[in-house]
Amino acid sequence: CTCPSGYALREDRRMCRDTRQGFCFTEVLQTMCQMSSTNRNLVTKSECCCNSGRSWGPQCELCPLPGTAQYKKMCPHGPGYSTDGRESHSLGDGLASGNRCFADNNECTAQPSLCGAKGQCLNTPGSYNCECQKGFSLDSSGVNC
């Protein structure tokens, strides 16, 4: 089996995994990707979209909305996790998805500005917490100091 460009054959030889790397964008305004100037980390599409990203990559591919079938396929364990740390695609009809490993996405690495200028992001399994600098406290959203 062969995989298309940007994908690599998994060890089970039944699936291709998305190995493409791109920027994760936190906002999309009128089809234009927007991101913080401090966010310069390259991540896979599932690492982005399963970590509160709104769009990904050089073509500004929109992330599926949470709760949709597309989101559940990309992020089967919900926000903060992705399959094998990457998006997987079946190579043929009728192949079972098999046993997959679910890797914790580090939201703090994927989107360094999550907690704002006065906050520090702390990765937790399947999520993250924000901790504020001395003299600051979290607002009601729990992510802004």
C-alpha atoms as a PDB file:
ATOM      1  CA  CYS A   1       0.000   0.000   0.000  1.00  0.00           C
ATOM      2  CA  THR A   2       1.095   3.531  -0.632  1.00  0.00           C
ATOM      3  CA  CYS A   3      -0.047   6.748   0.988  1.00  0.00           C
ATOM      4  CA  PRO A   4      -0.545  10.122  -0.662  1.00  0.00           C
ATOM      5  CA  SER A   5       2.028  12.872  -0.209  1.00  0.00           C
ATOM      6  CA  GLY A   6       2.050  14.176   3.373  1.00  0.00           C
ATOM      7  CA  TYR A   7       0.892  10.846   4.832  1.00  0.00           C
ATOM      8  CA  ALA A   8       2.859   7.871   6.166  1.00  0.00           C
ATOM      9  CA  LEU A   9       1.813   4.248   6.417  1.00  0.00           C
ATOM     10  CA  ARG A  10       1.104   3.205   9.982  1.00  0.00           C
ATOM     11  CA  GLU A  11       2.755   0.135  11.469  1.00  0.00           C
ATOM     12  CA  ASP A  12      -0.467  -1.885  11.065  1.00  0.00           C
ATOM     13  CA  ARG A  13      -0.176  -1.181   7.299  1.00  0.00           C
ATOM     14  CA  ARG A  14      -3.962  -0.580   7.116  1.00  0.00           C
ATOM     15  CA  MET A  15      -4.071   3.162   7.668  1.00  0.00           C
ATOM     16  CA  CYS A  16      -2.213   6.251   6.612  1.00  0.00           C
ATOM     17  CA  ARG A  17      -1.465   8.873   9.214  1.00  0.00           C
ATOM     18  CA  ASP A  18      -1.354  12.561   8.455  1.00  0.00           C
ATOM     19  CA  THR A  19       2.198  13.790   8.938  1.00  0.00           C
ATOM     20  CA  ARG A  20       1.715  17.232   7.394  1.00  0.00           C
ATOM     21  CA  GLN A  21       2.804  20.087   9.645  1.00  0.00           C
ATOM     22  CA  GLY A  22       1.328  23.571   9.614  1.00  0.00           C
ATOM     23  CA  PHE A  23       0.404  26.544  11.752  1.00  0.00           C
ATOM     24  CA  CYS A  24      -2.648  26.415  13.993  1.00  0.00           C
ATOM     25  CA  PHE A  25      -4.911  29.459  13.834  1.00  0.00           C
ATOM     26  CA  THR A  26      -7.104  30.547  16.725  1.00  0.00           C
ATOM     27  CA  GLU A  27      -9.386  32.818  14.707  1.00  0.00           C
ATOM     28  CA  VAL A  28     -10.940  32.920  11.243  1.00  0.00           C
ATOM     29  CA  LEU A  29     -12.334  36.280  10.160  1.00  0.00           C
ATOM     30  CA  GLN A  30     -14.104  36.425   6.778  1.00  0.00           C
ATOM     31  CA  THR A  31     -12.219  33.331   5.525  1.00  0.00           C
ATOM     32  CA  MET A  32      -8.864  34.833   6.614  1.00  0.00           C
ATOM     33  CA  CYS A  33      -6.781  32.907   9.155  1.00  0.00           C
ATOM     34  CA  GLN A  34      -5.685  34.931  12.162  1.00  0.00           C
ATOM     35  CA  MET A  35      -3.217  33.955  14.873  1.00  0.00           C
ATOM     36  CA  SER A  36      -1.159  35.396  17.650  1.00  0.00           C
ATOM     37  CA  SER A  37       2.267  36.594  16.555  1.00  0.00           C
ATOM     38  CA  THR A  38       3.782  34.403  19.318  1.00  0.00           C
ATOM     39  CA  ASN A  39       2.291  31.172  17.913  1.00  0.00           C
ATOM     40  CA  ARG A  40       5.017  29.800  15.625  1.00  0.00           C
ATOM     41  CA  ASN A  41       4.778  26.070  16.338  1.00  0.00           C
ATOM     42  CA  LEU A  42       4.097  23.637  13.509  1.00  0.00           C
ATOM     43  CA  VAL A  43       1.550  20.947  14.425  1.00  0.00           C
ATOM     44  CA  THR A  44      -0.603  18.354  12.659  1.00  0.00           C
ATOM     45  CA  LYS A  45      -4.196  19.183  11.782  1.00  0.00           C
ATOM     46  CA  SER A  46      -5.633  16.971  14.527  1.00  0.00           C
ATOM     47  CA  GLU A  47      -3.254  18.420  17.125  1.00  0.00           C
ATOM     48  CA  CYS A  48      -4.572  21.861  16.167  1.00  0.00           C
ATOM     49  CA  CYS A  49      -8.269  21.112  15.815  1.00  0.00           C
ATOM     50  CA  CYS A  50      -8.459  18.935  18.948  1.00  0.00           C
ATOM     51  CA  ASN A  51      -6.861  21.791  20.927  1.00  0.00           C
ATOM     52  CA  SER A  52      -9.339  24.629  20.324  1.00  0.00           C
ATOM     53  CA  GLY A  53      -7.854  25.628  16.977  1.00  0.00           C
ATOM     54  CA  ARG A  54     -10.263  27.149  14.457  1.00  0.00           C
ATOM     55  CA  SER A  55      -8.259  26.482  11.265  1.00  0.00           C
ATOM     56  CA  TRP A  56      -5.009  24.871  10.197  1.00  0.00           C
ATOM     57  CA  GLY A  57      -2.302  24.915   7.547  1.00  0.00           C
ATOM     58  CA  PRO A  58      -1.208  27.018   4.582  1.00  0.00           C
ATOM     59  CA  GLN A  59      -4.654  26.763   2.933  1.00  0.00           C
ATOM     60  CA  CYS A  60      -6.512  27.833   6.112  1.00  0.00           C
ATOM     61  CA  GLU A  61      -8.407  24.519   6.359  1.00  0.00           C
ATOM     62  CA  LEU A  62     -11.304  25.005   8.778  1.00  0.00           C
ATOM     63  CA  CYS A  63     -11.418  22.706  11.783  1.00  0.00           C
ATOM     64  CA  PRO A  64     -14.608  20.701  12.256  1.00  0.00           C
ATOM     65  CA  LEU A  65     -16.955  22.088  14.893  1.00  0.00           C
ATOM     66  CA  PRO A  66     -17.093  20.226  18.231  1.00  0.00           C
ATOM     67  CA  GLY A  67     -20.068  17.870  18.356  1.00  0.00           C
ATOM     68  CA  THR A  68     -20.082  17.150  14.607  1.00  0.00           C
ATOM     69  CA  ALA A  69     -19.354  13.733  13.094  1.00  0.00           C
ATOM     70  CA  GLN A  70     -16.175  15.110  11.499  1.00  0.00           C
ATOM     71  CA  TYR A  71     -14.918  16.381  14.874  1.00  0.00           C
ATOM     72  CA  LYS A  72     -15.672  13.052  16.575  1.00  0.00           C
ATOM     73  CA  LYS A  73     -13.736  11.213  13.848  1.00  0.00           C
ATOM     74  CA  MET A  74     -10.714  13.523  14.164  1.00  0.00           C
ATOM     75  CA  CYS A  75     -10.876  13.785  17.976  1.00  0.00           C
ATOM     76  CA  PRO A  76     -12.558  10.550  19.129  1.00  0.00           C
ATOM     77  CA  HIS A  77     -11.772  11.172  22.806  1.00  0.00           C
ATOM     78  CA  GLY A  78     -12.831  14.810  22.687  1.00  0.00           C
ATOM     79  CA  PRO A  79     -10.816  17.992  23.175  1.00  0.00           C
ATOM     80  CA  GLY A  80      -7.202  17.521  24.152  1.00  0.00           C
ATOM     81  CA  TYR A  81      -6.689  14.134  22.482  1.00  0.00           C
ATOM     82  CA  SER A  82      -6.060  12.959  18.940  1.00  0.00           C
ATOM     83  CA  THR A  83      -5.642   9.511  17.415  1.00  0.00           C
ATOM     84  CA  ASP A  84      -1.949   8.553  17.534  1.00  0.00           C
ATOM     85  CA  GLY A  85      -1.323  12.263  17.960  1.00  0.00           C
ATOM     86  CA  ARG A  86      -2.288  12.596  14.306  1.00  0.00           C
ATOM     87  CA  GLU A  87      -5.264  12.276  12.000  1.00  0.00           C
ATOM     88  CA  SER A  88      -5.707   8.829  10.425  1.00  0.00           C
ATOM     89  CA  HIS A  89      -7.359   7.831   7.149  1.00  0.00           C
ATOM     90  CA  SER A  90      -8.481   4.355   6.097  1.00  0.00           C
ATOM     91  CA  LEU A  91      -6.861   2.878   2.992  1.00  0.00           C
ATOM     92  CA  GLY A  92      -9.732   0.669   1.956  1.00  0.00           C
ATOM     93  CA  ASP A  93     -13.390  -0.197   2.343  1.00  0.00           C
ATOM     94  CA  GLY A  94     -14.415  -2.491   5.167  1.00  0.00           C
ATOM     95  CA  LEU A  95     -11.180  -2.196   7.146  1.00  0.00           C
ATOM     96  CA  ALA A  96     -11.741  -1.889  10.852  1.00  0.00           C
ATOM     97  CA  SER A  97     -10.124   1.106  12.472  1.00  0.00           C
ATOM     98  CA  GLY A  98      -8.372  -1.348  14.769  1.00  0.00           C
ATOM     99  CA  ASN A  99      -6.918  -0.532  18.149  1.00  0.00           C
ATOM    100  CA  ARG A 100      -5.630   2.995  18.219  1.00  0.00           C
ATOM    101  CA  CYS A 101      -3.451   4.721  20.733  1.00  0.00           C
ATOM    102  CA  PHE A 102      -4.722   8.031  21.962  1.00  0.00           C
ATOM    103  CA  ALA A 103      -2.049  10.584  22.727  1.00  0.00           C
ATOM    104  CA  ASP A 104      -2.552  13.588  24.949  1.00  0.00           C
ATOM    105  CA  ASN A 105      -2.171  16.787  22.954  1.00  0.00           C
ATOM    106  CA  ASN A 106      -0.152  19.445  24.689  1.00  0.00           C
ATOM    107  CA  GLU A 107      -2.374  22.495  24.223  1.00  0.00           C
ATOM    108  CA  CYS A 108       0.332  24.687  25.771  1.00  0.00           C
ATOM    109  CA  THR A 109       2.816  23.780  23.034  1.00  0.00           C
ATOM    110  CA  ALA A 110       0.273  23.881  20.189  1.00  0.00           C
ATOM    111  CA  GLN A 111      -1.079  27.316  21.198  1.00  0.00           C
ATOM    112  CA  PRO A 112       1.391  29.109  23.491  1.00  0.00           C
ATOM    113  CA  SER A 113      -0.823  32.182  23.928  1.00  0.00           C
ATOM    114  CA  LEU A 114      -3.781  30.228  25.389  1.00  0.00           C
ATOM    115  CA  CYS A 115      -3.467  31.858  28.816  1.00  0.00           C
ATOM    116  CA  GLY A 116      -2.629  35.372  27.638  1.00  0.00           C
ATOM    117  CA  ALA A 117       0.409  37.542  28.335  1.00  0.00           C
ATOM    118  CA  LYS A 118       0.113  37.310  32.135  1.00  0.00           C
ATOM    119  CA  GLY A 119      -0.660  33.589  32.334  1.00  0.00           C
ATOM    120  CA  GLN A 120       1.259  30.342  32.178  1.00  0.00           C
ATOM    121  CA  CYS A 121      -0.270  27.299  30.516  1.00  0.00           C
ATOM    122  CA  LEU A 122       0.021  23.977  32.360  1.00  0.00           C
ATOM    123  CA  ASN A 123      -0.734  20.840  30.347  1.00  0.00           C
ATOM    124  CA  THR A 124      -2.980  18.201  31.960  1.00  0.00           C
ATOM    125  CA  PRO A 125      -4.227  14.901  30.468  1.00  0.00           C
ATOM    126  CA  GLY A 126      -6.878  15.859  27.914  1.00  0.00           C
ATOM    127  CA  SER A 127      -6.879  19.535  28.831  1.00  0.00           C
ATOM    128  CA  TYR A 128      -4.859  22.392  30.331  1.00  0.00           C
ATOM    129  CA  ASN A 129      -4.973  24.903  33.185  1.00  0.00           C
ATOM    130  CA  CYS A 130      -3.897  28.516  33.311  1.00  0.00           C
ATOM    131  CA  GLU A 131      -1.889  29.917  36.184  1.00  0.00           C
ATOM    132  CA  CYS A 132      -1.524  33.685  36.567  1.00  0.00           C
ATOM    133  CA  GLN A 133       1.532  35.726  37.446  1.00  0.00           C
ATOM    134  CA  LYS A 134       1.680  37.130  40.964  1.00  0.00           C
ATOM    135  CA  GLY A 135      -0.823  39.968  41.375  1.00  0.00           C
ATOM    136  CA  PHE A 136      -3.188  38.627  38.681  1.00  0.00           C
ATOM    137  CA  SER A 137      -6.138  36.241  38.869  1.00  0.00           C
ATOM    138  CA  LEU A 138      -8.182  34.275  36.330  1.00  0.00           C
ATOM    139  CA  ASP A 139     -11.374  35.809  34.953  1.00  0.00           C
ATOM    140  CA  SER A 140     -14.644  33.845  34.746  1.00  0.00           C
ATOM    141  CA  SER A 141     -13.519  32.104  31.505  1.00  0.00           C
ATOM    142  CA  GLY A 142     -10.636  30.471  33.393  1.00  0.00           C
ATOM    143  CA  VAL A 143      -8.142  31.280  30.646  1.00  0.00           C
ATOM    144  CA  ASN A 144      -7.453  35.020  30.904  1.00  0.00           C
ATOM    145  CA  CYS A 145      -5.471  36.654  33.695  1.00  0.00           C
END
